[in-house]
Amino acid sequence: MPLQRFVPQSDIGKQIYGEGLKEGRSQALRSLLAKLLTRRFGPLSEAAMSRIQDAEPDLLELWGERLLSASSLDDVLAGVARPPIRS
């Protein structure tokens, strides 16, 4: 039996569903970036992991592109303001 895709009917349902999809994609991108950075540069510090977790999708994509030519983790994450430290 083929799987049926959930399609929200109400406007609020569509909005919530869309936000969930967006967050799921962002989490997948964060996870992939962390794995690639770890493979290239070794274990990531808590500060680097925190920056990845707090970053917006556009910034994650930029870091992913930089990863291809960067010689260090600092080169990947350089030039972008650090988010405030979470307490």
PDB file of N, CA and C in Angstrom:
ATOM      1  N   MET A   1       0.847  -1.176   0.000  1.00  0.00           N
ATOM      2  CA  MET A   1       0.000   0.000   0.000  1.00  0.00           C
ATOM      3  C   MET A   1       0.894   1.242   0.000  1.00  0.00           C
ATOM      4  N   PRO A   2       0.681   2.172  -0.941  1.00  0.00           N
ATOM      5  CA  PRO A   2       1.521   3.378  -0.992  1.00  0.00           C
ATOM      6  C   PRO A   2       1.252   4.308   0.193  1.00  0.00           C
ATOM      7  N   LEU A   3       2.311   4.998   0.611  1.00  0.00           N
ATOM      8  CA  LEU A   3       2.171   5.972   1.692  1.00  0.00           C
ATOM      9  C   LEU A   3       1.427   7.194   1.193  1.00  0.00           C
ATOM     10  N   GLN A   4       0.571   7.716   2.041  1.00  0.00           N
ATOM     11  CA  GLN A   4      -0.128   8.950   1.704  1.00  0.00           C
ATOM     12  C   GLN A   4       0.567  10.098   2.414  1.00  0.00           C
ATOM     13  N   ARG A   5       0.770  11.170   1.698  1.00  0.00           N
ATOM     14  CA  ARG A   5       1.425  12.341   2.268  1.00  0.00           C
ATOM     15  C   ARG A   5       0.386  13.174   3.008  1.00  0.00           C
ATOM     16  N   PHE A   6       0.764  13.618   4.212  1.00  0.00           N
ATOM     17  CA  PHE A   6      -0.108  14.470   5.009  1.00  0.00           C
ATOM     18  C   PHE A   6      -0.187  15.844   4.366  1.00  0.00           C
ATOM     19  N   VAL A   7      -1.394  16.324   4.173  1.00  0.00           N
ATOM     20  CA  VAL A   7      -1.605  17.656   3.620  1.00  0.00           C
ATOM     21  C   VAL A   7      -2.528  18.415   4.573  1.00  0.00           C
ATOM     22  N   PRO A   8      -1.988  19.426   5.277  1.00  0.00           N
ATOM     23  CA  PRO A   8      -2.830  20.185   6.194  1.00  0.00           C
ATOM     24  C   PRO A   8      -3.918  20.948   5.432  1.00  0.00           C
ATOM     25  N   GLN A   9      -5.044  21.087   6.062  1.00  0.00           N
ATOM     26  CA  GLN A   9      -6.183  21.719   5.406  1.00  0.00           C
ATOM     27  C   GLN A   9      -6.360  23.186   5.803  1.00  0.00           C
ATOM     28  N   SER A  10      -6.149  23.504   7.062  1.00  0.00           N
ATOM     29  CA  SER A  10      -6.377  24.876   7.530  1.00  0.00           C
ATOM     30  C   SER A  10      -5.147  25.741   7.292  1.00  0.00           C
ATOM     31  N   ASP A  11      -5.350  27.050   7.292  1.00  0.00           N
ATOM     32  CA  ASP A  11      -4.221  27.973   7.127  1.00  0.00           C
ATOM     33  C   ASP A  11      -3.204  27.812   8.246  1.00  0.00           C
ATOM     34  N   ILE A  12      -3.698  27.698   9.483  1.00  0.00           N
ATOM     35  CA  ILE A  12      -2.772  27.552  10.614  1.00  0.00           C
ATOM     36  C   ILE A  12      -2.058  26.204  10.535  1.00  0.00           C
ATOM     37  N   GLY A  13      -2.754  25.174  10.092  1.00  0.00           N
ATOM     38  CA  GLY A  13      -2.130  23.863   9.914  1.00  0.00           C
ATOM     39  C   GLY A  13      -1.033  23.918   8.873  1.00  0.00           C
ATOM     40  N   LYS A  14      -1.287  24.618   7.767  1.00  0.00           N
ATOM     41  CA  LYS A  14      -0.287  24.764   6.711  1.00  0.00           C
ATOM     42  C   LYS A  14       0.937  25.519   7.219  1.00  0.00           C
ATOM     43  N   GLN A  15       0.685  26.557   8.027  1.00  0.00           N
ATOM     44  CA  GLN A  15       1.786  27.355   8.561  1.00  0.00           C
ATOM     45  C   GLN A  15       2.647  26.515   9.509  1.00  0.00           C
ATOM     46  N   ILE A  16       2.015  25.817  10.418  1.00  0.00           N
ATOM     47  CA  ILE A  16       2.748  25.003  11.391  1.00  0.00           C
ATOM     48  C   ILE A  16       3.500  23.876  10.685  1.00  0.00           C
ATOM     49  N   TYR A  17       2.861  23.248   9.718  1.00  0.00           N
ATOM     50  CA  TYR A  17       3.492  22.174   8.957  1.00  0.00           C
ATOM     51  C   TYR A  17       4.722  22.699   8.210  1.00  0.00           C
ATOM     52  N   GLY A  18       4.591  23.868   7.588  1.00  0.00           N
ATOM     53  CA  GLY A  18       5.706  24.479   6.870  1.00  0.00           C
ATOM     54  C   GLY A  18       6.862  24.822   7.790  1.00  0.00           C
ATOM     55  N   GLU A  19       6.539  25.338   8.981  1.00  0.00           N
ATOM     56  CA  GLU A  19       7.593  25.664   9.943  1.00  0.00           C
ATOM     57  C   GLU A  19       8.308  24.402  10.409  1.00  0.00           C
ATOM     58  N   GLY A  20       7.548  23.328  10.580  1.00  0.00           N
ATOM     59  CA  GLY A  20       8.150  22.055  10.974  1.00  0.00           C
ATOM     60  C   GLY A  20       9.093  21.514   9.909  1.00  0.00           C
ATOM     61  N   LEU A  21       8.681  21.613   8.645  1.00  0.00           N
ATOM     62  CA  LEU A  21       9.550  21.171   7.554  1.00  0.00           C
ATOM     63  C   LEU A  21      10.825  21.993   7.509  1.00  0.00           C
ATOM     64  N   LYS A  22      10.689  23.306   7.662  1.00  0.00           N
ATOM     65  CA  LYS A  22      11.848  24.197   7.625  1.00  0.00           C
ATOM     66  C   LYS A  22      12.819  23.867   8.765  1.00  0.00           C
ATOM     67  N   GLU A  23      12.285  23.646   9.957  1.00  0.00           N
ATOM     68  CA  GLU A  23      13.146  23.332  11.094  1.00  0.00           C
ATOM     69  C   GLU A  23      13.816  21.974  10.904  1.00  0.00           C
ATOM     70  N   GLY A  24      13.091  21.020  10.343  1.00  0.00           N
ATOM     71  CA  GLY A  24      13.678  19.702  10.080  1.00  0.00           C
ATOM     72  C   GLY A  24      14.836  19.792   9.101  1.00  0.00           C
ATOM     73  N   ARG A  25      14.677  20.591   8.068  1.00  0.00           N
ATOM     74  CA  ARG A  25      15.763  20.774   7.093  1.00  0.00           C
ATOM     75  C   ARG A  25      16.953  21.471   7.737  1.00  0.00           C
ATOM     76  N   SER A  26      16.677  22.463   8.587  1.00  0.00           N
ATOM     77  CA  SER A  26      17.758  23.179   9.271  1.00  0.00           C
ATOM     78  C   SER A  26      18.534  22.233  10.180  1.00  0.00           C
ATOM     79  N   GLN A  27      17.832  21.380  10.906  1.00  0.00           N
ATOM     80  CA  GLN A  27      18.506  20.433  11.791  1.00  0.00           C
ATOM     81  C   GLN A  27      19.355  19.447  10.994  1.00  0.00           C
ATOM     82  N   ALA A  28      18.844  19.002   9.850  1.00  0.00           N
ATOM     83  CA  ALA A  28      19.604  18.088   8.999  1.00  0.00           C
ATOM     84  C   ALA A  28      20.875  18.773   8.489  1.00  0.00           C
ATOM     85  N   LEU A  29      20.763  20.034   8.116  1.00  0.00           N
ATOM     86  CA  LEU A  29      21.926  20.784   7.640  1.00  0.00           C
ATOM     87  C   LEU A  29      22.937  20.981   8.764  1.00  0.00           C
ATOM     88  N   ARG A  30      22.476  21.277   9.975  1.00  0.00           N
ATOM     89  CA  ARG A  30      23.375  21.435  11.129  1.00  0.00           C
ATOM     90  C   ARG A  30      24.135  20.127  11.392  1.00  0.00           C
ATOM     91  N   SER A  31      23.395  19.031  11.374  1.00  0.00           N
ATOM     92  CA  SER A  31      23.992  17.728  11.634  1.00  0.00           C
ATOM     93  C   SER A  31      25.041  17.379  10.579  1.00  0.00           C
ATOM     94  N   LEU A  32      24.710  17.598   9.318  1.00  0.00           N
ATOM     95  CA  LEU A  32      25.644  17.299   8.241  1.00  0.00           C
ATOM     96  C   LEU A  32      26.895  18.174   8.341  1.00  0.00           C
ATOM     97  N   LEU A  33      26.710  19.471   8.582  1.00  0.00           N
ATOM     98  CA  LEU A  33      27.853  20.372   8.700  1.00  0.00           C
ATOM     99  C   LEU A  33      28.760  19.962   9.851  1.00  0.00           C
ATOM    100  N   ALA A  34      28.173  19.624  10.997  1.00  0.00           N
ATOM    101  CA  ALA A  34      28.978  19.203  12.149  1.00  0.00           C
ATOM    102  C   ALA A  34      29.768  17.937  11.818  1.00  0.00           C
ATOM    103  N   LYS A  35      29.159  16.991  11.135  1.00  0.00           N
ATOM    104  CA  LYS A  35      29.860  15.760  10.759  1.00  0.00           C
ATOM    105  C   LYS A  35      31.008  16.048   9.802  1.00  0.00           C
ATOM    106  N   LEU A  36      30.752  16.887   8.812  1.00  0.00           N
ATOM    107  CA  LEU A  36      31.801  17.209   7.843  1.00  0.00           C
ATOM    108  C   LEU A  36      32.955  17.976   8.482  1.00  0.00           C
ATOM    109  N   LEU A  37      32.628  18.933   9.334  1.00  0.00           N
ATOM    110  CA  LEU A  37      33.674  19.692  10.028  1.00  0.00           C
ATOM    111  C   LEU A  37      34.498  18.786  10.928  1.00  0.00           C
ATOM    112  N   THR A  38      33.844  17.884  11.619  1.00  0.00           N
ATOM    113  CA  THR A  38      34.542  16.949  12.499  1.00  0.00           C
ATOM    114  C   THR A  38      35.457  16.037  11.691  1.00  0.00           C
ATOM    115  N   ARG A  39      34.970  15.576  10.582  1.00  0.00           N
ATOM    116  CA  ARG A  39      35.798  14.693   9.743  1.00  0.00           C
ATOM    117  C   ARG A  39      37.022  15.428   9.206  1.00  0.00           C
ATOM    118  N   ARG A  40      36.837  16.698   8.864  1.00  0.00           N
ATOM    119  CA  ARG A  40      37.940  17.473   8.269  1.00  0.00           C
ATOM    120  C   ARG A  40      38.921  18.006   9.308  1.00  0.00           C
ATOM    121  N   PHE A  41      38.383  18.505  10.454  1.00  0.00           N
ATOM    122  CA  PHE A  41      39.238  19.208  11.416  1.00  0.00           C
ATOM    123  C   PHE A  41      39.339  18.532  12.788  1.00  0.00           C
ATOM    124  N   GLY A  42      38.682  17.426  12.982  1.00  0.00           N
ATOM    125  CA  GLY A  42      38.714  16.751  14.275  1.00  0.00           C
ATOM    126  C   GLY A  42      37.554  17.190  15.153  1.00  0.00           C
ATOM    127  N   PRO A  43      37.514  16.685  16.387  1.00  0.00           N
ATOM    128  CA  PRO A  43      36.401  16.982  17.284  1.00  0.00           C
ATOM    129  C   PRO A  43      36.174  18.488  17.443  1.00  0.00           C
ATOM    130  N   LEU A  44      34.908  18.876  17.443  1.00  0.00           N
ATOM    131  CA  LEU A  44      34.536  20.288  17.554  1.00  0.00           C
ATOM    132  C   LEU A  44      34.390  20.685  19.015  1.00  0.00           C
ATOM    133  N   SER A  45      34.777  21.901  19.308  1.00  0.00           N
ATOM    134  CA  SER A  45      34.615  22.424  20.667  1.00  0.00           C
ATOM    135  C   SER A  45      33.143  22.696  20.946  1.00  0.00           C
ATOM    136  N   GLU A  46      32.817  22.859  22.210  1.00  0.00           N
ATOM    137  CA  GLU A  46      31.442  23.207  22.588  1.00  0.00           C
ATOM    138  C   GLU A  46      31.050  24.549  21.971  1.00  0.00           C
ATOM    139  N   ALA A  47      31.999  25.477  21.899  1.00  0.00           N
ATOM    140  CA  ALA A  47      31.713  26.793  21.319  1.00  0.00           C
ATOM    141  C   ALA A  47      31.358  26.671  19.838  1.00  0.00           C
ATOM    142  N   ALA A  48      32.098  25.847  19.100  1.00  0.00           N
ATOM    143  CA  ALA A  48      31.805  25.653  17.678  1.00  0.00           C
ATOM    144  C   ALA A  48      30.450  24.983  17.505  1.00  0.00           C
ATOM    145  N   MET A  49      30.175  23.970  18.312  1.00  0.00           N
ATOM    146  CA  MET A  49      28.879  23.286  18.226  1.00  0.00           C
ATOM    147  C   MET A  49      27.733  24.242  18.557  1.00  0.00           C
ATOM    148  N   SER A  50      27.948  25.099  19.525  1.00  0.00           N
ATOM    149  CA  SER A  50      26.925  26.076  19.897  1.00  0.00           C
ATOM    150  C   SER A  50      26.656  27.040  18.742  1.00  0.00           C
ATOM    151  N   ARG A  51      27.715  27.474  18.076  1.00  0.00           N
ATOM    152  CA  ARG A  51      27.546  28.373  16.930  1.00  0.00           C
ATOM    153  C   ARG A  51      26.770  27.692  15.811  1.00  0.00           C
ATOM    154  N   ILE A  52      27.058  26.434  15.568  1.00  0.00           N
ATOM    155  CA  ILE A  52      26.342  25.693  14.533  1.00  0.00           C
ATOM    156  C   ILE A  52      24.867  25.557  14.907  1.00  0.00           C
ATOM    157  N   GLN A  53      24.596  25.233  16.166  1.00  0.00           N
ATOM    158  CA  GLN A  53      23.207  25.059  16.606  1.00  0.00           C
ATOM    159  C   GLN A  53      22.416  26.360  16.548  1.00  0.00           C
ATOM    160  N   ASP A  54      23.079  27.489  16.745  1.00  0.00           N
ATOM    161  CA  ASP A  54      22.397  28.783  16.767  1.00  0.00           C
ATOM    162  C   ASP A  54      22.300  29.452  15.397  1.00  0.00           C
ATOM    163  N   ALA A  55      23.000  28.925  14.411  1.00  0.00           N
ATOM    164  CA  ALA A  55      23.091  29.577  13.101  1.00  0.00           C
ATOM    165  C   ALA A  55      21.820  29.405  12.273  1.00  0.00           C
ATOM    166  N   GLU A  56      21.530  30.420  11.488  1.00  0.00           N
ATOM    167  CA  GLU A  56      20.412  30.379  10.545  1.00  0.00           C
ATOM    168  C   GLU A  56      20.827  29.552   9.321  1.00  0.00           C
ATOM    169  N   PRO A  57      19.863  29.009   8.588  1.00  0.00           N
ATOM    170  CA  PRO A  57      20.181  28.164   7.431  1.00  0.00           C
ATOM    171  C   PRO A  57      21.109  28.814   6.403  1.00  0.00           C
ATOM    172  N   ASP A  58      20.940  30.087   6.121  1.00  0.00           N
ATOM    173  CA  ASP A  58      21.810  30.759   5.147  1.00  0.00           C
ATOM    174  C   ASP A  58      23.269  30.746   5.595  1.00  0.00           C
ATOM    175  N   LEU A  59      23.490  30.945   6.885  1.00  0.00           N
ATOM    176  CA  LEU A  59      24.844  30.931   7.429  1.00  0.00           C
ATOM    177  C   LEU A  59      25.416  29.517   7.401  1.00  0.00           C
ATOM    178  N   LEU A  60      24.595  28.529   7.691  1.00  0.00           N
ATOM    179  CA  LEU A  60      25.050  27.137   7.619  1.00  0.00           C
ATOM    180  C   LEU A  60      25.499  26.792   6.206  1.00  0.00           C
ATOM    181  N   GLU A  61      24.753  27.254   5.217  1.00  0.00           N
ATOM    182  CA  GLU A  61      25.133  27.008   3.822  1.00  0.00           C
ATOM    183  C   GLU A  61      26.451  27.696   3.480  1.00  0.00           C
ATOM    184  N   LEU A  62      26.634  28.938   3.945  1.00  0.00           N
ATOM    185  CA  LEU A  62      27.890  29.649   3.715  1.00  0.00           C
ATOM    186  C   LEU A  62      29.059  28.873   4.315  1.00  0.00           C
ATOM    187  N   TRP A  63      28.896  28.411   5.545  1.00  0.00           N
ATOM    188  CA  TRP A  63      29.951  27.636   6.187  1.00  0.00           C
ATOM    189  C   TRP A  63      30.220  26.348   5.422  1.00  0.00           C
ATOM    190  N   GLY A  64      29.174  25.721   4.910  1.00  0.00           N
ATOM    191  CA  GLY A  64      29.349  24.511   4.119  1.00  0.00           C
ATOM    192  C   GLY A  64      30.170  24.768   2.870  1.00  0.00           C
ATOM    193  N   GLU A  65      29.940  25.906   2.234  1.00  0.00           N
ATOM    194  CA  GLU A  65      30.725  26.274   1.046  1.00  0.00           C
ATOM    195  C   GLU A  65      32.180  26.564   1.423  1.00  0.00           C
ATOM    196  N   ARG A  66      32.383  27.259   2.526  1.00  0.00           N
ATOM    197  CA  ARG A  66      33.743  27.578   2.968  1.00  0.00           C
ATOM    198  C   ARG A  66      34.533  26.323   3.318  1.00  0.00           C
ATOM    199  N   LEU A  67      33.834  25.318   3.797  1.00  0.00           N
ATOM    200  CA  LEU A  67      34.480  24.071   4.192  1.00  0.00           C
ATOM    201  C   LEU A  67      35.296  23.470   3.055  1.00  0.00           C
ATOM    202  N   LEU A  68      34.871  23.707   1.834  1.00  0.00           N
ATOM    203  CA  LEU A  68      35.539  23.113   0.681  1.00  0.00           C
ATOM    204  C   LEU A  68      36.959  23.632   0.483  1.00  0.00           C
ATOM    205  N   SER A  69      37.222  24.880   0.869  1.00  0.00           N
ATOM    206  CA  SER A  69      38.545  25.451   0.619  1.00  0.00           C
ATOM    207  C   SER A  69      39.272  25.909   1.885  1.00  0.00           C
ATOM    208  N   ALA A  70      38.638  25.827   3.036  1.00  0.00           N
ATOM    209  CA  ALA A  70      39.243  26.321   4.277  1.00  0.00           C
ATOM    210  C   ALA A  70      40.371  25.403   4.744  1.00  0.00           C
ATOM    211  N   SER A  71      41.372  26.020   5.357  1.00  0.00           N
ATOM    212  CA  SER A  71      42.481  25.234   5.897  1.00  0.00           C
ATOM    213  C   SER A  71      42.334  24.996   7.401  1.00  0.00           C
ATOM    214  N   SER A  72      41.348  25.658   8.018  1.00  0.00           N
ATOM    215  CA  SER A  72      41.117  25.457   9.450  1.00  0.00           C
ATOM    216  C   SER A  72      39.649  25.723   9.774  1.00  0.00           C
ATOM    217  N   LEU A  73      39.249  25.264  10.940  1.00  0.00           N
ATOM    218  CA  LEU A  73      37.882  25.520  11.401  1.00  0.00           C
ATOM    219  C   LEU A  73      37.645  27.019  11.542  1.00  0.00           C
ATOM    220  N   ASP A  74      38.651  27.738  12.022  1.00  0.00           N
ATOM    221  CA  ASP A  74      38.518  29.193  12.158  1.00  0.00           C
ATOM    222  C   ASP A  74      38.258  29.857  10.804  1.00  0.00           C
ATOM    223  N   ASP A  75      38.869  29.330   9.739  1.00  0.00           N
ATOM    224  CA  ASP A  75      38.620  29.875   8.402  1.00  0.00           C
ATOM    225  C   ASP A  75      37.173  29.672   7.978  1.00  0.00           C
ATOM    226  N   VAL A  76      36.600  28.557   8.363  1.00  0.00           N
ATOM    227  CA  VAL A  76      35.196  28.289   8.021  1.00  0.00           C
ATOM    228  C   VAL A  76      34.286  29.271   8.753  1.00  0.00           C
ATOM    229  N   LEU A  77      34.509  29.444  10.050  1.00  0.00           N
ATOM    230  CA  LEU A  77      33.610  30.243  10.894  1.00  0.00           C
ATOM    231  C   LEU A  77      34.008  31.712  10.992  1.00  0.00           C
ATOM    232  N   ALA A  78      35.080  32.134  10.307  1.00  0.00           N
ATOM    233  CA  ALA A  78      35.592  33.504  10.407  1.00  0.00           C
ATOM    234  C   ALA A  78      34.655  34.530   9.783  1.00  0.00           C
ATOM    235  N   GLY A  79      34.760  35.758  10.320  1.00  0.00           N
ATOM    236  CA  GLY A  79      34.097  36.887   9.707  1.00  0.00           C
ATOM    237  C   GLY A  79      32.605  36.994   9.943  1.00  0.00           C
ATOM    238  N   VAL A  80      32.082  36.186  10.809  1.00  0.00           N
ATOM    239  CA  VAL A  80      30.650  36.236  11.110  1.00  0.00           C
ATOM    240  C   VAL A  80      30.497  36.506  12.588  1.00  0.00           C
ATOM    241  N   ALA A  81      29.679  37.474  12.908  1.00  0.00           N
ATOM    242  CA  ALA A  81      29.483  37.823  14.312  1.00  0.00           C
ATOM    243  C   ALA A  81      28.998  36.605  15.099  1.00  0.00           C
ATOM    244  N   ARG A  82      29.573  36.449  16.253  1.00  0.00           N
ATOM    245  CA  ARG A  82      29.177  35.324  17.113  1.00  0.00           C
ATOM    246  C   ARG A  82      27.835  35.654  17.781  1.00  0.00           C
ATOM    247  N   PRO A  83      26.959  34.658  17.886  1.00  0.00           N
ATOM    248  CA  PRO A  83      25.697  34.890  18.578  1.00  0.00           C
ATOM    249  C   PRO A  83      25.947  35.066  20.070  1.00  0.00           C
ATOM    250  N   PRO A  84      25.006  35.678  20.771  1.00  0.00           N
ATOM    251  CA  PRO A  84      25.197  35.842  22.220  1.00  0.00           C
ATOM    252  C   PRO A  84      25.318  34.480  22.900  1.00  0.00           C
ATOM    253  N   ILE A  85      26.101  34.447  23.963  1.00  0.00           N
ATOM    254  CA  ILE A  85      26.285  33.211  24.713  1.00  0.00           C
ATOM    255  C   ILE A  85      24.995  32.892  25.468  1.00  0.00           C
ATOM    256  N   ARG A  86      24.567  31.644  25.318  1.00  0.00           N
ATOM    257  CA  ARG A  86      23.353  31.201  26.023  1.00  0.00           C
ATOM    258  C   ARG A  86      23.683  30.874  27.459  1.00  0.00           C
ATOM    259  N   SER A  87      22.760  31.219  28.345  1.00  0.00           N
ATOM    260  CA  SER A  87      23.013  30.897  29.756  1.00  0.00           C
ATOM    261  C   SER A  87      22.282  29.661  30.179  1.00  0.00           C
TER     262      SER A  87
END
